[in-house]
Structures are given as structure tokens and as C-alpha cells.
């Protein structure tokens, strides 16, 4: 697990699970919307689209935190899982 992004609004963590026995390696991104207090885990094709979008932002000239937050917000609109502290 590696934190990739952390702002006042969002946290993005990359999660990689290595292959184990019959289970193949898997990975994805956990995105937490701090204001809505909800999170979402994306994997597969959706995660690849997220990664490509972030890379496009990084390749643009001097991207701002607001641009990253706006991009991430498009994914958190699907978040249904409420945050719970243990």
C-alpha cells in the first residue's frame, strides 16, 4: 500500500496484492473523499482509466492541486462506502 496523493479534500492510496496460490495478483486504488466521508476502491479497467488520467495531468504543464482534485472528484461521485473509524 502506498499513498499517492493527499489534499484537504482527497486521499488516494495504491493497493497491490501479490499473487497467492491460485489467486492472481490484483491491485487498484482506494480513493477517500474527506468532505463526504466516503470512499471507493477501483480496480481493473476503471483503475487503468484513473491511472491514465492522472498521468495525463502530470504530463500537462504545471498542473495544480485543484486540477487533481477536480479529476478525482469525478470518481468519488460513485463512492457509497461510508468511512468508519475502528
PDB file of N, CA and C in Angstrom:
ATOM      1  N   UNK A   1       0.847  -1.153   0.000  1.00  0.00           N
ATOM      2  CA  UNK A   1       0.000   0.000   0.000  1.00  0.00           C
ATOM      3  C   UNK A   1       0.909   1.237   0.000  1.00  0.00           C
ATOM      4  N   UNK A   2       0.565   2.195  -0.882  1.00  0.00           N
ATOM      5  CA  UNK A   2       1.369   3.402  -0.984  1.00  0.00           C
ATOM      6  C   UNK A   2       0.458   4.606  -1.194  1.00  0.00           C
ATOM      7  N   UNK A   3       0.631   5.636  -0.334  1.00  0.00           N
ATOM      8  CA  UNK A   3      -0.147   6.854  -0.508  1.00  0.00           C
ATOM      9  C   UNK A   3       0.408   7.619  -1.698  1.00  0.00           C
ATOM     10  N   UNK A   4      -0.474   7.928  -2.661  1.00  0.00           N
ATOM     11  CA  UNK A   4      -0.062   8.632  -3.863  1.00  0.00           C
ATOM     12  C   UNK A   4      -0.430  10.103  -3.836  1.00  0.00           C
ATOM     13  N   UNK A   5      -1.506  10.436  -3.136  1.00  0.00           N
ATOM     14  CA  UNK A   5      -1.993  11.810  -3.151  1.00  0.00           C
ATOM     15  C   UNK A   5      -2.743  12.082  -1.862  1.00  0.00           C
ATOM     16  N   UNK A   6      -2.537  13.270  -1.313  1.00  0.00           N
ATOM     17  CA  UNK A   6      -3.235  13.655  -0.095  1.00  0.00           C
ATOM     18  C   UNK A   6      -3.436  15.163  -0.119  1.00  0.00           C
ATOM     19  N   UNK A   7      -4.697  15.589  -0.144  1.00  0.00           N
ATOM     20  CA  UNK A   7      -5.016  17.015  -0.109  1.00  0.00           C
ATOM     21  C   UNK A   7      -6.033  17.237   0.999  1.00  0.00           C
ATOM     22  N   UNK A   8      -6.508  18.461   1.114  1.00  0.00           N
ATOM     23  CA  UNK A   8      -7.544  18.736   2.105  1.00  0.00           C
ATOM     24  C   UNK A   8      -8.842  18.004   1.774  1.00  0.00           C
ATOM     25  N   UNK A   9      -9.026  17.646   0.486  1.00  0.00           N
ATOM     26  CA  UNK A   9     -10.270  17.031   0.044  1.00  0.00           C
ATOM     27  C   UNK A   9     -10.200  15.523  -0.155  1.00  0.00           C
ATOM     28  N   UNK A  10      -9.058  15.018  -0.639  1.00  0.00           N
ATOM     29  CA  UNK A  10      -8.961  13.615  -1.045  1.00  0.00           C
ATOM     30  C   UNK A  10      -7.654  12.967  -0.610  1.00  0.00           C
ATOM     31  N   UNK A  11      -7.734  11.650  -0.449  1.00  0.00           N
ATOM     32  CA  UNK A  11      -6.558  10.809  -0.283  1.00  0.00           C
ATOM     33  C   UNK A  11      -6.670   9.676  -1.301  1.00  0.00           C
ATOM     34  N   UNK A  12      -5.557   9.381  -1.991  1.00  0.00           N
ATOM     35  CA  UNK A  12      -5.515   8.281  -2.948  1.00  0.00           C
ATOM     36  C   UNK A  12      -4.389   7.342  -2.531  1.00  0.00           C
ATOM     37  N   UNK A  13      -4.735   6.070  -2.370  1.00  0.00           N
ATOM     38  CA  UNK A  13      -3.767   5.049  -1.970  1.00  0.00           C
ATOM     39  C   UNK A  13      -3.753   3.961  -3.036  1.00  0.00           C
ATOM     40  N   UNK A  14      -2.563   3.591  -3.471  1.00  0.00           N
ATOM     41  CA  UNK A  14      -2.425   2.474  -4.410  1.00  0.00           C
ATOM     42  C   UNK A  14      -2.287   1.198  -3.598  1.00  0.00           C
ATOM     43  N   UNK A  15      -3.085   0.199  -3.963  1.00  0.00           N
ATOM     44  CA  UNK A  15      -3.092  -1.085  -3.258  1.00  0.00           C
ATOM     45  C   UNK A  15      -2.684  -2.169  -4.247  1.00  0.00           C
ATOM     46  N   UNK A  16      -1.634  -2.909  -3.914  1.00  0.00           N
ATOM     47  CA  UNK A  16      -1.187  -4.036  -4.733  1.00  0.00           C
ATOM     48  C   UNK A  16      -1.205  -5.286  -3.880  1.00  0.00           C
ATOM     49  N   UNK A  17      -1.882  -6.311  -4.387  1.00  0.00           N
ATOM     50  CA  UNK A  17      -1.919  -7.590  -3.687  1.00  0.00           C
ATOM     51  C   UNK A  17      -1.215  -8.609  -4.565  1.00  0.00           C
ATOM     52  N   UNK A  18      -0.097  -9.163  -4.089  1.00  0.00           N
ATOM     53  CA  UNK A  18       0.641 -10.135  -4.902  1.00  0.00           C
ATOM     54  C   UNK A  18      -0.138 -11.437  -5.077  1.00  0.00           C
ATOM     55  N   UNK A  19       0.247 -12.171  -6.082  1.00  0.00           N
ATOM     56  CA  UNK A  19      -0.362 -13.481  -6.320  1.00  0.00           C
ATOM     57  C   UNK A  19      -0.148 -14.362  -5.102  1.00  0.00           C
ATOM     58  N   UNK A  20      -1.171 -15.157  -4.789  1.00  0.00           N
ATOM     59  CA  UNK A  20      -1.099 -16.031  -3.626  1.00  0.00           C
ATOM     60  C   UNK A  20      -1.783 -17.349  -3.974  1.00  0.00           C
ATOM     61  N   UNK A  21      -0.987 -18.403  -4.179  1.00  0.00           N
ATOM     62  CA  UNK A  21      -1.572 -19.696  -4.527  1.00  0.00           C
ATOM     63  C   UNK A  21      -2.292 -19.626  -5.858  1.00  0.00           C
ATOM     64  N   UNK A  22      -3.606 -19.889  -5.819  1.00  0.00           N
ATOM     65  CA  UNK A  22      -4.410 -19.854  -7.040  1.00  0.00           C
ATOM     66  C   UNK A  22      -4.913 -18.452  -7.383  1.00  0.00           C
ATOM     67  N   UNK A  23      -4.803 -17.515  -6.450  1.00  0.00           N
ATOM     68  CA  UNK A  23      -5.304 -16.159  -6.684  1.00  0.00           C
ATOM     69  C   UNK A  23      -4.252 -15.333  -7.424  1.00  0.00           C
ATOM     70  N   UNK A  24      -4.641 -14.708  -8.539  1.00  0.00           N
ATOM     71  CA  UNK A  24      -3.685 -13.881  -9.291  1.00  0.00           C
ATOM     72  C   UNK A  24      -3.409 -12.570  -8.574  1.00  0.00           C
ATOM     73  N   UNK A  25      -2.333 -11.914  -8.977  1.00  0.00           N
ATOM     74  CA  UNK A  25      -2.011 -10.597  -8.433  1.00  0.00           C
ATOM     75  C   UNK A  25      -3.136  -9.634  -8.802  1.00  0.00           C
ATOM     76  N   UNK A  26      -3.459  -8.742  -7.876  1.00  0.00           N
ATOM     77  CA  UNK A  26      -4.510  -7.744  -8.110  1.00  0.00           C
ATOM     78  C   UNK A  26      -4.052  -6.425  -7.518  1.00  0.00           C
ATOM     79  N   UNK A  27      -4.664  -5.384  -7.986  1.00  0.00           N
ATOM     80  CA  UNK A  27      -4.348  -4.076  -7.444  1.00  0.00           C
ATOM     81  C   UNK A  27      -5.405  -3.075  -7.833  1.00  0.00           C
ATOM     82  N   UNK A  28      -5.285  -1.905  -7.280  1.00  0.00           N
ATOM     83  CA  UNK A  28      -6.234  -0.851  -7.583  1.00  0.00           C
ATOM     84  C   UNK A  28      -5.928   0.365  -6.749  1.00  0.00           C
ATOM     85  N   UNK A  29      -6.911   1.227  -6.641  1.00  0.00           N
ATOM     86  CA  UNK A  29      -6.763   2.482  -5.916  1.00  0.00           C
ATOM     87  C   UNK A  29      -7.919   2.670  -4.964  1.00  0.00           C
ATOM     88  N   UNK A  30      -7.597   3.051  -3.739  1.00  0.00           N
ATOM     89  CA  UNK A  30      -8.616   3.447  -2.785  1.00  0.00           C
ATOM     90  C   UNK A  30      -8.632   4.964  -2.764  1.00  0.00           C
ATOM     91  N   UNK A  31      -9.809   5.535  -2.995  1.00  0.00           N
ATOM     92  CA  UNK A  31      -9.961   6.983  -3.035  1.00  0.00           C
ATOM     93  C   UNK A  31     -10.922   7.375  -1.918  1.00  0.00           C
ATOM     94  N   UNK A  32     -10.496   8.295  -1.066  1.00  0.00           N
ATOM     95  CA  UNK A  32     -11.311   8.750   0.053  1.00  0.00           C
ATOM     96  C   UNK A  32     -11.649  10.224  -0.151  1.00  0.00           C
ATOM     97  N   UNK A  33     -12.937  10.516  -0.122  1.00  0.00           N
ATOM     98  CA  UNK A  33     -13.428  11.891  -0.168  1.00  0.00           C
ATOM     99  C   UNK A  33     -13.600  12.327   1.284  1.00  0.00           C
ATOM    100  N   UNK A  34     -12.731  13.215   1.730  1.00  0.00           N
ATOM    101  CA  UNK A  34     -12.731  13.614   3.137  1.00  0.00           C
ATOM    102  C   UNK A  34     -13.960  14.441   3.509  1.00  0.00           C
ATOM    103  N   UNK A  35     -14.469  15.238   2.585  1.00  0.00           N
ATOM    104  CA  UNK A  35     -15.625  16.077   2.894  1.00  0.00           C
ATOM    105  C   UNK A  35     -16.910  15.260   2.958  1.00  0.00           C
ATOM    106  N   UNK A  36     -17.088  14.336   2.027  1.00  0.00           N
ATOM    107  CA  UNK A  36     -18.288  13.492   2.016  1.00  0.00           C
ATOM    108  C   UNK A  36     -18.163  12.332   2.993  1.00  0.00           C
ATOM    109  N   UNK A  37     -16.949  12.098   3.477  1.00  0.00           N
ATOM    110  CA  UNK A  37     -16.665  10.998   4.400  1.00  0.00           C
ATOM    111  C   UNK A  37     -17.067   9.648   3.802  1.00  0.00           C
ATOM    112  N   UNK A  38     -16.681   9.476   2.515  1.00  0.00           N
ATOM    113  CA  UNK A  38     -16.954   8.227   1.808  1.00  0.00           C
ATOM    114  C   UNK A  38     -15.717   7.816   1.030  1.00  0.00           C
ATOM    115  N   UNK A  39     -15.641   6.522   0.736  1.00  0.00           N
ATOM    116  CA  UNK A  39     -14.512   6.017  -0.027  1.00  0.00           C
ATOM    117  C   UNK A  39     -14.958   5.048  -1.094  1.00  0.00           C
ATOM    118  N   UNK A  40     -14.058   4.807  -2.036  1.00  0.00           N
ATOM    119  CA  UNK A  40     -14.329   3.873  -3.121  1.00  0.00           C
ATOM    120  C   UNK A  40     -13.020   3.165  -3.461  1.00  0.00           C
ATOM    121  N   UNK A  41     -13.115   1.903  -3.832  1.00  0.00           N
ATOM    122  CA  UNK A  41     -11.969   1.137  -4.314  1.00  0.00           C
ATOM    123  C   UNK A  41     -12.218   0.828  -5.780  1.00  0.00           C
ATOM    124  N   UNK A  42     -11.273   1.208  -6.629  1.00  0.00           N
ATOM    125  CA  UNK A  42     -11.414   0.928  -8.053  1.00  0.00           C
ATOM    126  C   UNK A  42     -10.298  -0.019  -8.480  1.00  0.00           C
ATOM    127  N   UNK A  43     -10.624  -0.894  -9.420  1.00  0.00           N
ATOM    128  CA  UNK A  43      -9.640  -1.841  -9.943  1.00  0.00           C
ATOM    129  C   UNK A  43      -9.971  -2.140 -11.397  1.00  0.00           C
ATOM    130  N   UNK A  44      -9.130  -2.904 -12.043  1.00  0.00           N
ATOM    131  CA  UNK A  44      -9.378  -3.318 -13.419  1.00  0.00           C
ATOM    132  C   UNK A  44      -9.346  -2.160 -14.395  1.00  0.00           C
ATOM    133  N   UNK A  45     -10.301  -2.175 -15.319  1.00  0.00           N
ATOM    134  CA  UNK A  45     -10.368  -1.175 -16.385  1.00  0.00           C
ATOM    135  C   UNK A  45     -10.566   0.231 -15.812  1.00  0.00           C
ATOM    136  N   UNK A  46     -11.364   0.347 -14.776  1.00  0.00           N
ATOM    137  CA  UNK A  46     -11.609   1.659 -14.165  1.00  0.00           C
ATOM    138  C   UNK A  46     -10.317   2.207 -13.569  1.00  0.00           C
ATOM    139  N   UNK A  47      -9.545   1.343 -12.905  1.00  0.00           N
ATOM    140  CA  UNK A  47      -8.273   1.767 -12.326  1.00  0.00           C
ATOM    141  C   UNK A  47      -7.276   2.172 -13.410  1.00  0.00           C
ATOM    142  N   UNK A  48      -7.286   1.462 -14.521  1.00  0.00           N
ATOM    143  CA  UNK A  48      -6.394   1.823 -15.628  1.00  0.00           C
ATOM    144  C   UNK A  48      -6.767   3.187 -16.204  1.00  0.00           C
ATOM    145  N   UNK A  49      -8.062   3.463 -16.312  1.00  0.00           N
ATOM    146  CA  UNK A  49      -8.513   4.773 -16.774  1.00  0.00           C
ATOM    147  C   UNK A  49      -8.118   5.881 -15.814  1.00  0.00           C
ATOM    148  N   UNK A  50      -8.217   5.583 -14.523  1.00  0.00           N
ATOM    149  CA  UNK A  50      -7.808   6.547 -13.500  1.00  0.00           C
ATOM    150  C   UNK A  50      -6.316   6.838 -13.624  1.00  0.00           C
ATOM    151  N   UNK A  51      -5.527   5.794 -13.736  1.00  0.00           N
ATOM    152  CA  UNK A  51      -4.074   5.936 -13.861  1.00  0.00           C
ATOM    153  C   UNK A  51      -3.704   6.752 -15.103  1.00  0.00           C
ATOM    154  N   UNK A  52      -4.372   6.484 -16.219  1.00  0.00           N
ATOM    155  CA  UNK A  52      -4.101   7.226 -17.455  1.00  0.00           C
ATOM    156  C   UNK A  52      -4.476   8.700 -17.310  1.00  0.00           C
ATOM    157  N   UNK A  53      -5.578   8.971 -16.643  1.00  0.00           N
ATOM    158  CA  UNK A  53      -5.992  10.354 -16.423  1.00  0.00           C
ATOM    159  C   UNK A  53      -5.034  11.121 -15.542  1.00  0.00           C
ATOM    160  N   UNK A  54      -4.563  10.468 -14.490  1.00  0.00           N
ATOM    161  CA  UNK A  54      -3.576  11.106 -13.604  1.00  0.00           C
ATOM    162  C   UNK A  54      -2.272  11.359 -14.366  1.00  0.00           C
ATOM    163  N   UNK A  55      -1.861  10.385 -15.175  1.00  0.00           N
ATOM    164  CA  UNK A  55      -0.633  10.554 -15.952  1.00  0.00           C
ATOM    165  C   UNK A  55      -0.765  11.721 -16.932  1.00  0.00           C
ATOM    166  N   UNK A  56      -1.925  11.861 -17.556  1.00  0.00           N
ATOM    167  CA  UNK A  56      -2.155  12.976 -18.474  1.00  0.00           C
ATOM    168  C   UNK A  56      -2.060  14.312 -17.741  1.00  0.00           C
ATOM    169  N   UNK A  57      -2.601  14.380 -16.537  1.00  0.00           N
ATOM    170  CA  UNK A  57      -2.472  15.600 -15.738  1.00  0.00           C
ATOM    171  C   UNK A  57      -1.018  15.890 -15.405  1.00  0.00           C
ATOM    172  N   UNK A  58      -0.289  14.850 -15.020  1.00  0.00           N
ATOM    173  CA  UNK A  58       1.119  15.027 -14.660  1.00  0.00           C
ATOM    174  C   UNK A  58       1.948  15.457 -15.865  1.00  0.00           C
ATOM    175  N   UNK A  59       1.562  15.023 -17.059  1.00  0.00           N
ATOM    176  CA  UNK A  59       2.294  15.382 -18.272  1.00  0.00           C
ATOM    177  C   UNK A  59       1.970  16.790 -18.746  1.00  0.00           C
ATOM    178  N   UNK A  60       0.859  17.360 -18.252  1.00  0.00           N
ATOM    179  CA  UNK A  60       0.497  18.720 -18.647  1.00  0.00           C
ATOM    180  C   UNK A  60       1.424  19.714 -17.945  1.00  0.00           C
ATOM    181  N   UNK A  61       1.397  20.920 -18.430  1.00  0.00           N
ATOM    182  CA  UNK A  61       2.308  21.937 -17.910  1.00  0.00           C
ATOM    183  C   UNK A  61       1.832  22.443 -16.554  1.00  0.00           C
ATOM    184  N   UNK A  62       2.597  22.168 -15.513  1.00  0.00           N
ATOM    185  CA  UNK A  62       2.373  22.674 -14.159  1.00  0.00           C
ATOM    186  C   UNK A  62       0.934  22.492 -13.659  1.00  0.00           C
ATOM    187  N   UNK A  63       0.478  21.236 -13.501  1.00  0.00           N
ATOM    188  CA  UNK A  63      -0.885  21.005 -13.015  1.00  0.00           C
ATOM    189  C   UNK A  63      -1.028  21.472 -11.561  1.00  0.00           C
ATOM    190  N   UNK A  64      -2.198  21.987 -11.236  1.00  0.00           N
ATOM    191  CA  UNK A  64      -2.449  22.461  -9.871  1.00  0.00           C
ATOM    192  C   UNK A  64      -3.142  21.379  -9.050  1.00  0.00           C
ATOM    193  N   UNK A  65      -3.120  21.567  -7.741  1.00  0.00           N
ATOM    194  CA  UNK A  65      -3.828  20.642  -6.848  1.00  0.00           C
ATOM    195  C   UNK A  65      -5.323  20.667  -7.148  1.00  0.00           C
ATOM    196  N   UNK A  66      -5.841  21.834  -7.535  1.00  0.00           N
ATOM    197  CA  UNK A  66      -7.269  21.929  -7.870  1.00  0.00           C
ATOM    198  C   UNK A  66      -7.619  21.072  -9.085  1.00  0.00           C
ATOM    199  N   UNK A  67      -6.711  21.004 -10.066  1.00  0.00           N
ATOM    200  CA  UNK A  67      -6.956  20.162 -11.239  1.00  0.00           C
ATOM    201  C   UNK A  67      -7.003  18.692 -10.847  1.00  0.00           C
ATOM    202  N   UNK A  68      -6.090  18.267  -9.960  1.00  0.00           N
ATOM    203  CA  UNK A  68      -6.104  16.889  -9.480  1.00  0.00           C
ATOM    204  C   UNK A  68      -7.380  16.616  -8.691  1.00  0.00           C
ATOM    205  N   UNK A  69      -7.751  17.547  -7.812  1.00  0.00           N
ATOM    206  CA  UNK A  69      -8.966  17.359  -7.019  1.00  0.00           C
ATOM    207  C   UNK A  69     -10.202  17.266  -7.907  1.00  0.00           C
ATOM    208  N   UNK A  70     -10.278  18.108  -8.930  1.00  0.00           N
ATOM    209  CA  UNK A  70     -11.421  18.064  -9.847  1.00  0.00           C
ATOM    210  C   UNK A  70     -11.502  16.724 -10.567  1.00  0.00           C
ATOM    211  N   UNK A  71     -10.348  16.199 -10.985  1.00  0.00           N
ATOM    212  CA  UNK A  71     -10.311  14.903 -11.661  1.00  0.00           C
ATOM    213  C   UNK A  71     -10.757  13.789 -10.711  1.00  0.00           C
ATOM    214  N   UNK A  72     -10.212  13.781  -9.518  1.00  0.00           N
ATOM    215  CA  UNK A  72     -10.526  12.743  -8.534  1.00  0.00           C
ATOM    216  C   UNK A  72     -11.994  12.796  -8.136  1.00  0.00           C
ATOM    217  N   UNK A  73     -12.548  13.990  -8.057  1.00  0.00           N
ATOM    218  CA  UNK A  73     -13.947  14.152  -7.667  1.00  0.00           C
ATOM    219  C   UNK A  73     -14.892  13.394  -8.600  1.00  0.00           C
ATOM    220  N   UNK A  74     -14.520  13.282  -9.877  1.00  0.00           N
ATOM    221  CA  UNK A  74     -15.337  12.524 -10.821  1.00  0.00           C
ATOM    222  C   UNK A  74     -15.463  11.059 -10.440  1.00  0.00           C
ATOM    223  N   UNK A  75     -14.460  10.518  -9.787  1.00  0.00           N
ATOM    224  CA  UNK A  75     -14.506   9.121  -9.353  1.00  0.00           C
ATOM    225  C   UNK A  75     -15.238   8.976  -8.019  1.00  0.00           C
ATOM    226  N   UNK A  76     -15.108   9.953  -7.141  1.00  0.00           N
ATOM    227  CA  UNK A  76     -15.727   9.821  -5.823  1.00  0.00           C
ATOM    228  C   UNK A  76     -17.231  10.028  -5.858  1.00  0.00           C
ATOM    229  N   UNK A  77     -17.764  10.535  -6.971  1.00  0.00           N
ATOM    230  CA  UNK A  77     -19.216  10.661  -7.082  1.00  0.00           C
ATOM    231  C   UNK A  77     -19.887   9.296  -7.011  1.00  0.00           C
ATOM    232  N   UNK A  78     -19.142   8.239  -7.300  1.00  0.00           N
ATOM    233  CA  UNK A  78     -19.664   6.878  -7.246  1.00  0.00           C
ATOM    234  C   UNK A  78     -19.509   6.235  -5.865  1.00  0.00           C
ATOM    235  N   UNK A  79     -18.798   6.910  -4.966  1.00  0.00           N
ATOM    236  CA  UNK A  79     -18.491   6.335  -3.650  1.00  0.00           C
ATOM    237  C   UNK A  79     -19.756   6.134  -2.826  1.00  0.00           C
ATOM    238  N   UNK A  80     -19.898   4.949  -2.272  1.00  0.00           N
ATOM    239  CA  UNK A  80     -21.038   4.614  -1.432  1.00  0.00           C
ATOM    240  C   UNK A  80     -20.619   4.167  -0.031  1.00  0.00           C
ATOM    241  N   UNK A  81     -19.349   3.807   0.114  1.00  0.00           N
ATOM    242  CA  UNK A  81     -18.869   3.234   1.366  1.00  0.00           C
ATOM    243  C   UNK A  81     -18.556   4.353   2.376  1.00  0.00           C
ATOM    244  N   UNK A  82     -19.320   4.449   3.461  1.00  0.00           N
ATOM    245  CA  UNK A  82     -19.035   5.479   4.462  1.00  0.00           C
ATOM    246  C   UNK A  82     -17.734   5.144   5.214  1.00  0.00           C
ATOM    247  N   UNK A  83     -17.017   6.180   5.617  1.00  0.00           N
ATOM    248  CA  UNK A  83     -15.805   5.969   6.400  1.00  0.00           C
ATOM    249  C   UNK A  83     -16.186   5.633   7.829  1.00  0.00           C
ATOM    250  N   UNK A  84     -15.500   4.655   8.387  1.00  0.00           N
ATOM    251  CA  UNK A  84     -15.743   4.232   9.760  1.00  0.00           C
ATOM    252  C   UNK A  84     -14.398   4.107  10.443  1.00  0.00           C
ATOM    253  N   UNK A  85     -14.260   4.727  11.592  1.00  0.00           N
ATOM    254  CA  UNK A  85     -13.034   4.598  12.364  1.00  0.00           C
ATOM    255  C   UNK A  85     -13.143   3.392  13.287  1.00  0.00           C
ATOM    256  N   UNK A  86     -12.063   2.646  13.374  1.00  0.00           N
ATOM    257  CA  UNK A  86     -12.070   1.452  14.239  1.00  0.00           C
ATOM    258  C   UNK A  86     -11.329   1.733  15.497  1.00  0.00           C
TER     259      UNK A  86
END
